[in-house]
Amino acid sequence: MDLRREVSVGDYVQYVDGSGVVCSQVTGFPMKVTKIAIRNRVPCVIYESGEFDYLQSVEKCCSLLLELC
């Protein structure tokens, strides 16, 4: 498996489709993964705000891209 795709708790992530870093709609700042769980039998990443995305739709964000946010 590609190490870039591996997401861990504490990581900031971006969307695989290239639409950008996962950011809070309220503050506009990148959100950190706080938990990886199963929802509806599908692995998901859960963020600080309680929002979630499917694990297959995100990948670890590079630090350079985070600096641009």
PDB file of N, CA and C in Angstrom:
ATOM      1  N   MET A   1       0.847  -1.188   0.000  1.00  0.00           N
ATOM      2  CA  MET A   1       0.000   0.000   0.000  1.00  0.00           C
ATOM      3  C   MET A   1       0.888   1.245   0.000  1.00  0.00           C
ATOM      4  N   ASP A   2       0.482   2.241  -0.716  1.00  0.00           N
ATOM      5  CA  ASP A   2       1.214   3.497  -0.802  1.00  0.00           C
ATOM      6  C   ASP A   2       1.182   4.197   0.551  1.00  0.00           C
ATOM      7  N   LEU A   3       2.340   4.551   1.087  1.00  0.00           N
ATOM      8  CA  LEU A   3       2.402   5.194   2.399  1.00  0.00           C
ATOM      9  C   LEU A   3       1.693   6.535   2.418  1.00  0.00           C
ATOM     10  N   ARG A   4       1.625   7.216   1.289  1.00  0.00           N
ATOM     11  CA  ARG A   4       0.946   8.504   1.233  1.00  0.00           C
ATOM     12  C   ARG A   4      -0.537   8.361   1.551  1.00  0.00           C
ATOM     13  N   ARG A   5      -1.132   7.238   1.201  1.00  0.00           N
ATOM     14  CA  ARG A   5      -2.554   7.009   1.425  1.00  0.00           C
ATOM     15  C   ARG A   5      -2.861   6.638   2.872  1.00  0.00           C
ATOM     16  N   GLU A   6      -1.891   6.142   3.601  1.00  0.00           N
ATOM     17  CA  GLU A   6      -2.144   5.699   4.969  1.00  0.00           C
ATOM     18  C   GLU A   6      -2.438   6.886   5.869  1.00  0.00           C
ATOM     19  N   VAL A   7      -3.610   6.861   6.459  1.00  0.00           N
ATOM     20  CA  VAL A   7      -4.050   7.939   7.339  1.00  0.00           C
ATOM     21  C   VAL A   7      -4.052   7.425   8.769  1.00  0.00           C
ATOM     22  N   SER A   8      -3.522   8.221   9.691  1.00  0.00           N
ATOM     23  CA  SER A   8      -3.478   7.867  11.104  1.00  0.00           C
ATOM     24  C   SER A   8      -4.163   8.948  11.919  1.00  0.00           C
ATOM     25  N   VAL A   9      -4.495   8.606  13.154  1.00  0.00           N
ATOM     26  CA  VAL A   9      -5.052   9.598  14.066  1.00  0.00           C
ATOM     27  C   VAL A   9      -4.008  10.688  14.276  1.00  0.00           C
ATOM     28  N   GLY A  10      -4.435  11.938  14.211  1.00  0.00           N
ATOM     29  CA  GLY A  10      -3.528  13.073  14.372  1.00  0.00           C
ATOM     30  C   GLY A  10      -3.084  13.684  13.060  1.00  0.00           C
ATOM     31  N   ASP A  11      -3.375  13.035  11.937  1.00  0.00           N
ATOM     32  CA  ASP A  11      -2.992  13.548  10.618  1.00  0.00           C
ATOM     33  C   ASP A  11      -3.975  14.596  10.121  1.00  0.00           C
ATOM     34  N   TYR A  12      -3.469  15.481   9.293  1.00  0.00           N
ATOM     35  CA  TYR A  12      -4.320  16.362   8.503  1.00  0.00           C
ATOM     36  C   TYR A  12      -4.447  15.698   7.146  1.00  0.00           C
ATOM     37  N   VAL A  13      -5.617  15.762   6.534  1.00  0.00           N
ATOM     38  CA  VAL A  13      -5.846  15.031   5.293  1.00  0.00           C
ATOM     39  C   VAL A  13      -6.341  15.930   4.169  1.00  0.00           C
ATOM     40  N   GLN A  14      -6.193  15.419   2.957  1.00  0.00           N
ATOM     41  CA  GLN A  14      -6.708  16.094   1.766  1.00  0.00           C
ATOM     42  C   GLN A  14      -7.546  15.082   1.000  1.00  0.00           C
ATOM     43  N   TYR A  15      -8.399  15.589   0.125  1.00  0.00           N
ATOM     44  CA  TYR A  15      -9.247  14.707  -0.665  1.00  0.00           C
ATOM     45  C   TYR A  15      -8.447  14.062  -1.786  1.00  0.00           C
ATOM     46  N   VAL A  16      -8.701  12.805  -2.068  1.00  0.00           N
ATOM     47  CA  VAL A  16      -8.006  12.052  -3.108  1.00  0.00           C
ATOM     48  C   VAL A  16      -8.279  12.636  -4.491  1.00  0.00           C
ATOM     49  N   ASP A  17      -9.480  13.171  -4.700  1.00  0.00           N
ATOM     50  CA  ASP A  17      -9.842  13.693  -6.020  1.00  0.00           C
ATOM     51  C   ASP A  17      -9.175  15.029  -6.343  1.00  0.00           C
ATOM     52  N   GLY A  18      -8.362  15.561  -5.420  1.00  0.00           N
ATOM     53  CA  GLY A  18      -7.625  16.792  -5.684  1.00  0.00           C
ATOM     54  C   GLY A  18      -8.386  18.064  -5.380  1.00  0.00           C
ATOM     55  N   SER A  19      -9.514  17.961  -4.690  1.00  0.00           N
ATOM     56  CA  SER A  19     -10.316  19.155  -4.406  1.00  0.00           C
ATOM     57  C   SER A  19      -9.806  19.954  -3.212  1.00  0.00           C
ATOM     58  N   GLY A  20      -8.734  19.517  -2.570  1.00  0.00           N
ATOM     59  CA  GLY A  20      -8.103  20.316  -1.536  1.00  0.00           C
ATOM     60  C   GLY A  20      -8.033  19.653  -0.176  1.00  0.00           C
ATOM     61  N   VAL A  21      -7.497  20.419   0.774  1.00  0.00           N
ATOM     62  CA  VAL A  21      -7.341  19.986   2.147  1.00  0.00           C
ATOM     63  C   VAL A  21      -8.711  20.004   2.824  1.00  0.00           C
ATOM     64  N   VAL A  22      -8.948  19.070   3.726  1.00  0.00           N
ATOM     65  CA  VAL A  22     -10.200  19.033   4.477  1.00  0.00           C
ATOM     66  C   VAL A  22     -10.155  20.146   5.520  1.00  0.00           C
ATOM     67  N   CYS A  23     -11.041  21.138   5.375  1.00  0.00           N
ATOM     68  CA  CYS A  23     -11.066  22.292   6.272  1.00  0.00           C
ATOM     69  C   CYS A  23     -12.430  22.439   6.923  1.00  0.00           C
ATOM     70  N   SER A  24     -12.436  23.072   8.071  1.00  0.00           N
ATOM     71  CA  SER A  24     -13.677  23.366   8.772  1.00  0.00           C
ATOM     72  C   SER A  24     -14.464  24.406   7.985  1.00  0.00           C
ATOM     73  N   GLN A  25     -15.758  24.201   7.858  1.00  0.00           N
ATOM     74  CA  GLN A  25     -16.589  25.178   7.162  1.00  0.00           C
ATOM     75  C   GLN A  25     -16.808  26.421   8.008  1.00  0.00           C
ATOM     76  N   VAL A  26     -16.613  26.308   9.321  1.00  0.00           N
ATOM     77  CA  VAL A  26     -16.808  27.438  10.223  1.00  0.00           C
ATOM     78  C   VAL A  26     -15.571  28.324  10.278  1.00  0.00           C
ATOM     79  N   THR A  27     -14.407  27.717  10.545  1.00  0.00           N
ATOM     80  CA  THR A  27     -13.188  28.507  10.732  1.00  0.00           C
ATOM     81  C   THR A  27     -12.319  28.589   9.486  1.00  0.00           C
ATOM     82  N   GLY A  28     -12.429  27.612   8.598  1.00  0.00           N
ATOM     83  CA  GLY A  28     -11.593  27.582   7.403  1.00  0.00           C
ATOM     84  C   GLY A  28     -10.229  26.964   7.624  1.00  0.00           C
ATOM     85  N   PHE A  29      -9.954  26.493   8.844  1.00  0.00           N
ATOM     86  CA  PHE A  29      -8.668  25.873   9.150  1.00  0.00           C
ATOM     87  C   PHE A  29      -8.732  24.369   8.892  1.00  0.00           C
ATOM     88  N   PRO A  30      -7.600  23.760   8.547  1.00  0.00           N
ATOM     89  CA  PRO A  30      -7.567  22.306   8.342  1.00  0.00           C
ATOM     90  C   PRO A  30      -7.994  21.560   9.606  1.00  0.00           C
ATOM     91  N   MET A  31      -8.680  20.428   9.418  1.00  0.00           N
ATOM     92  CA  MET A  31      -9.149  19.640  10.552  1.00  0.00           C
ATOM     93  C   MET A  31      -8.275  18.400  10.726  1.00  0.00           C
ATOM     94  N   LYS A  32      -8.026  18.054  11.987  1.00  0.00           N
ATOM     95  CA  LYS A  32      -7.193  16.918  12.338  1.00  0.00           C
ATOM     96  C   LYS A  32      -8.070  15.686  12.552  1.00  0.00           C
ATOM     97  N   VAL A  33      -7.583  14.540  12.116  1.00  0.00           N
ATOM     98  CA  VAL A  33      -8.281  13.278  12.328  1.00  0.00           C
ATOM     99  C   VAL A  33      -8.153  12.894  13.802  1.00  0.00           C
ATOM    100  N   THR A  34      -9.281  12.649  14.466  1.00  0.00           N
ATOM    101  CA  THR A  34      -9.248  12.269  15.875  1.00  0.00           C
ATOM    102  C   THR A  34      -9.587  10.803  16.101  1.00  0.00           C
ATOM    103  N   LYS A  35     -10.192  10.168  15.090  1.00  0.00           N
ATOM    104  CA  LYS A  35     -10.584   8.773  15.260  1.00  0.00           C
ATOM    105  C   LYS A  35     -10.799   8.144  13.887  1.00  0.00           C
ATOM    106  N   ILE A  36     -10.492   6.879  13.789  1.00  0.00           N
ATOM    107  CA  ILE A  36     -10.817   6.105  12.588  1.00  0.00           C
ATOM    108  C   ILE A  36     -11.781   5.023  13.047  1.00  0.00           C
ATOM    109  N   ALA A  37     -12.968   5.007  12.465  1.00  0.00           N
ATOM    110  CA  ALA A  37     -14.021   4.111  12.925  1.00  0.00           C
ATOM    111  C   ALA A  37     -14.790   3.542  11.739  1.00  0.00           C
ATOM    112  N   ILE A  38     -15.656   2.597  12.034  1.00  0.00           N
ATOM    113  CA  ILE A  38     -16.519   1.979  11.027  1.00  0.00           C
ATOM    114  C   ILE A  38     -17.918   2.589  11.177  1.00  0.00           C
ATOM    115  N   ARG A  39     -18.441   3.130  10.099  1.00  0.00           N
ATOM    116  CA  ARG A  39     -19.811   3.652  10.061  1.00  0.00           C
ATOM    117  C   ARG A  39     -20.506   3.021   8.872  1.00  0.00           C
ATOM    118  N   ASN A  40     -21.655   2.432   9.106  1.00  0.00           N
ATOM    119  CA  ASN A  40     -22.400   1.756   8.044  1.00  0.00           C
ATOM    120  C   ASN A  40     -21.525   0.748   7.296  1.00  0.00           C
ATOM    121  N   ARG A  41     -20.705   0.041   8.059  1.00  0.00           N
ATOM    122  CA  ARG A  41     -19.799  -1.000   7.527  1.00  0.00           C
ATOM    123  C   ARG A  41     -18.709  -0.466   6.603  1.00  0.00           C
ATOM    124  N   VAL A  42     -18.429   0.825   6.664  1.00  0.00           N
ATOM    125  CA  VAL A  42     -17.391   1.433   5.830  1.00  0.00           C
ATOM    126  C   VAL A  42     -16.418   2.192   6.740  1.00  0.00           C
ATOM    127  N   PRO A  43     -15.098   2.012   6.577  1.00  0.00           N
ATOM    128  CA  PRO A  43     -14.128   2.756   7.388  1.00  0.00           C
ATOM    129  C   PRO A  43     -14.222   4.263   7.121  1.00  0.00           C
ATOM    130  N   CYS A  44     -14.228   5.050   8.196  1.00  0.00           N
ATOM    131  CA  CYS A  44     -14.346   6.507   8.100  1.00  0.00           C
ATOM    132  C   CYS A  44     -13.306   7.175   8.984  1.00  0.00           C
ATOM    133  N   VAL A  45     -12.939   8.397   8.625  1.00  0.00           N
ATOM    134  CA  VAL A  45     -12.125   9.238   9.504  1.00  0.00           C
ATOM    135  C   VAL A  45     -13.064  10.254  10.133  1.00  0.00           C
ATOM    136  N   ILE A  46     -12.891  10.466  11.434  1.00  0.00           N
ATOM    137  CA  ILE A  46     -13.733  11.402  12.163  1.00  0.00           C
ATOM    138  C   ILE A  46     -12.842  12.549  12.624  1.00  0.00           C
ATOM    139  N   TYR A  47     -13.319  13.763  12.408  1.00  0.00           N
ATOM    140  CA  TYR A  47     -12.542  14.966  12.711  1.00  0.00           C
ATOM    141  C   TYR A  47     -12.913  15.548  14.072  1.00  0.00           C
ATOM    142  N   GLU A  48     -12.150  16.556  14.490  1.00  0.00           N
ATOM    143  CA  GLU A  48     -12.365  17.231  15.775  1.00  0.00           C
ATOM    144  C   GLU A  48     -13.786  17.741  15.935  1.00  0.00           C
ATOM    145  N   SER A  49     -14.377  18.188  14.849  1.00  0.00           N
ATOM    146  CA  SER A  49     -15.713  18.781  14.897  1.00  0.00           C
ATOM    147  C   SER A  49     -16.825  17.735  14.937  1.00  0.00           C
ATOM    148  N   GLY A  50     -16.477  16.463  14.757  1.00  0.00           N
ATOM    149  CA  GLY A  50     -17.477  15.408  14.716  1.00  0.00           C
ATOM    150  C   GLY A  50     -17.882  15.038  13.299  1.00  0.00           C
ATOM    151  N   GLU A  51     -17.469  15.837  12.318  1.00  0.00           N
ATOM    152  CA  GLU A  51     -17.745  15.521  10.921  1.00  0.00           C
ATOM    153  C   GLU A  51     -16.904  14.313  10.518  1.00  0.00           C
ATOM    154  N   PHE A  52     -17.291  13.661   9.432  1.00  0.00           N
ATOM    155  CA  PHE A  52     -16.525  12.506   8.977  1.00  0.00           C
ATOM    156  C   PHE A  52     -16.495  12.434   7.458  1.00  0.00           C
ATOM    157  N   ASP A  53     -15.512  11.703   6.953  1.00  0.00           N
ATOM    158  CA  ASP A  53     -15.388  11.373   5.539  1.00  0.00           C
ATOM    159  C   ASP A  53     -15.031   9.904   5.453  1.00  0.00           C
ATOM    160  N   TYR A  54     -15.345   9.293   4.323  1.00  0.00           N
ATOM    161  CA  TYR A  54     -14.944   7.908   4.117  1.00  0.00           C
ATOM    162  C   TYR A  54     -13.438   7.836   3.940  1.00  0.00           C
ATOM    163  N   LEU A  55     -12.837   6.851   4.550  1.00  0.00           N
ATOM    164  CA  LEU A  55     -11.386   6.680   4.519  1.00  0.00           C
ATOM    165  C   LEU A  55     -10.856   6.593   3.094  1.00  0.00           C
ATOM    166  N   GLN A  56     -11.598   5.982   2.203  1.00  0.00           N
ATOM    167  CA  GLN A  56     -11.136   5.824   0.820  1.00  0.00           C
ATOM    168  C   GLN A  56     -11.100   7.137   0.057  1.00  0.00           C
ATOM    169  N   SER A  57     -11.744   8.189   0.575  1.00  0.00           N
ATOM    170  CA  SER A  57     -11.802   9.459  -0.151  1.00  0.00           C
ATOM    171  C   SER A  57     -10.749  10.470   0.308  1.00  0.00           C
ATOM    172  N   VAL A  58      -9.921  10.103   1.307  1.00  0.00           N
ATOM    173  CA  VAL A  58      -8.901  11.035   1.805  1.00  0.00           C
ATOM    174  C   VAL A  58      -7.537  10.363   1.854  1.00  0.00           C
ATOM    175  N   GLU A  59      -6.505  11.202   1.870  1.00  0.00           N
ATOM    176  CA  GLU A  59      -5.133  10.744   2.034  1.00  0.00           C
ATOM    177  C   GLU A  59      -4.393  11.758   2.884  1.00  0.00           C
ATOM    178  N   LYS A  60      -3.262  11.331   3.431  1.00  0.00           N
ATOM    179  CA  LYS A  60      -2.470  12.210   4.277  1.00  0.00           C
ATOM    180  C   LYS A  60      -2.029  13.434   3.488  1.00  0.00           C
ATOM    181  N   CYS A  61      -2.112  14.586   4.110  1.00  0.00           N
ATOM    182  CA  CYS A  61      -1.761  15.846   3.465  1.00  0.00           C
ATOM    183  C   CYS A  61      -0.276  16.145   3.688  1.00  0.00           C
ATOM    184  N   CYS A  62       0.401  16.629   2.664  1.00  0.00           N
ATOM    185  CA  CYS A  62       1.814  16.985   2.829  1.00  0.00           C
ATOM    186  C   CYS A  62       1.922  18.304   3.613  1.00  0.00           C
ATOM    187  N   SER A  63       3.003  18.458   4.328  1.00  0.00           N
ATOM    188  CA  SER A  63       3.185  19.627   5.192  1.00  0.00           C
ATOM    189  C   SER A  63       3.258  20.938   4.396  1.00  0.00           C
ATOM    190  N   LEU A  64       3.789  20.890   3.197  1.00  0.00           N
ATOM    191  CA  LEU A  64       3.882  22.081   2.362  1.00  0.00           C
ATOM    192  C   LEU A  64       2.495  22.601   2.006  1.00  0.00           C
ATOM    193  N   LEU A  65       1.610  21.710   1.670  1.00  0.00           N
ATOM    194  CA  LEU A  65       0.232  22.104   1.334  1.00  0.00           C
ATOM    195  C   LEU A  65      -0.470  22.703   2.558  1.00  0.00           C
ATOM    196  N   LEU A  66      -0.199  22.191   3.737  1.00  0.00           N
ATOM    197  CA  LEU A  66      -0.787  22.733   4.972  1.00  0.00           C
ATOM    198  C   LEU A  66      -0.325  24.167   5.210  1.00  0.00           C
ATOM    199  N   GLU A  67       0.911  24.465   4.889  1.00  0.00           N
ATOM    200  CA  GLU A  67       1.444  25.815   5.088  1.00  0.00           C
ATOM    201  C   GLU A  67       0.745  26.829   4.196  1.00  0.00           C
ATOM    202  N   LEU A  68       0.227  26.393   3.073  1.00  0.00           N
ATOM    203  CA  LEU A  68      -0.457  27.290   2.155  1.00  0.00           C
ATOM    204  C   LEU A  68      -1.874  27.631   2.608  1.00  0.00           C
ATOM    205  N   CYS A  69      -2.410  26.850   3.540  1.00  0.00           N
ATOM    206  CA  CYS A  69      -3.797  27.073   3.994  1.00  0.00           C
ATOM    207  C   CYS A  69      -3.920  28.266   4.896  1.00  0.00           C
TER     208      CYS A  69
END
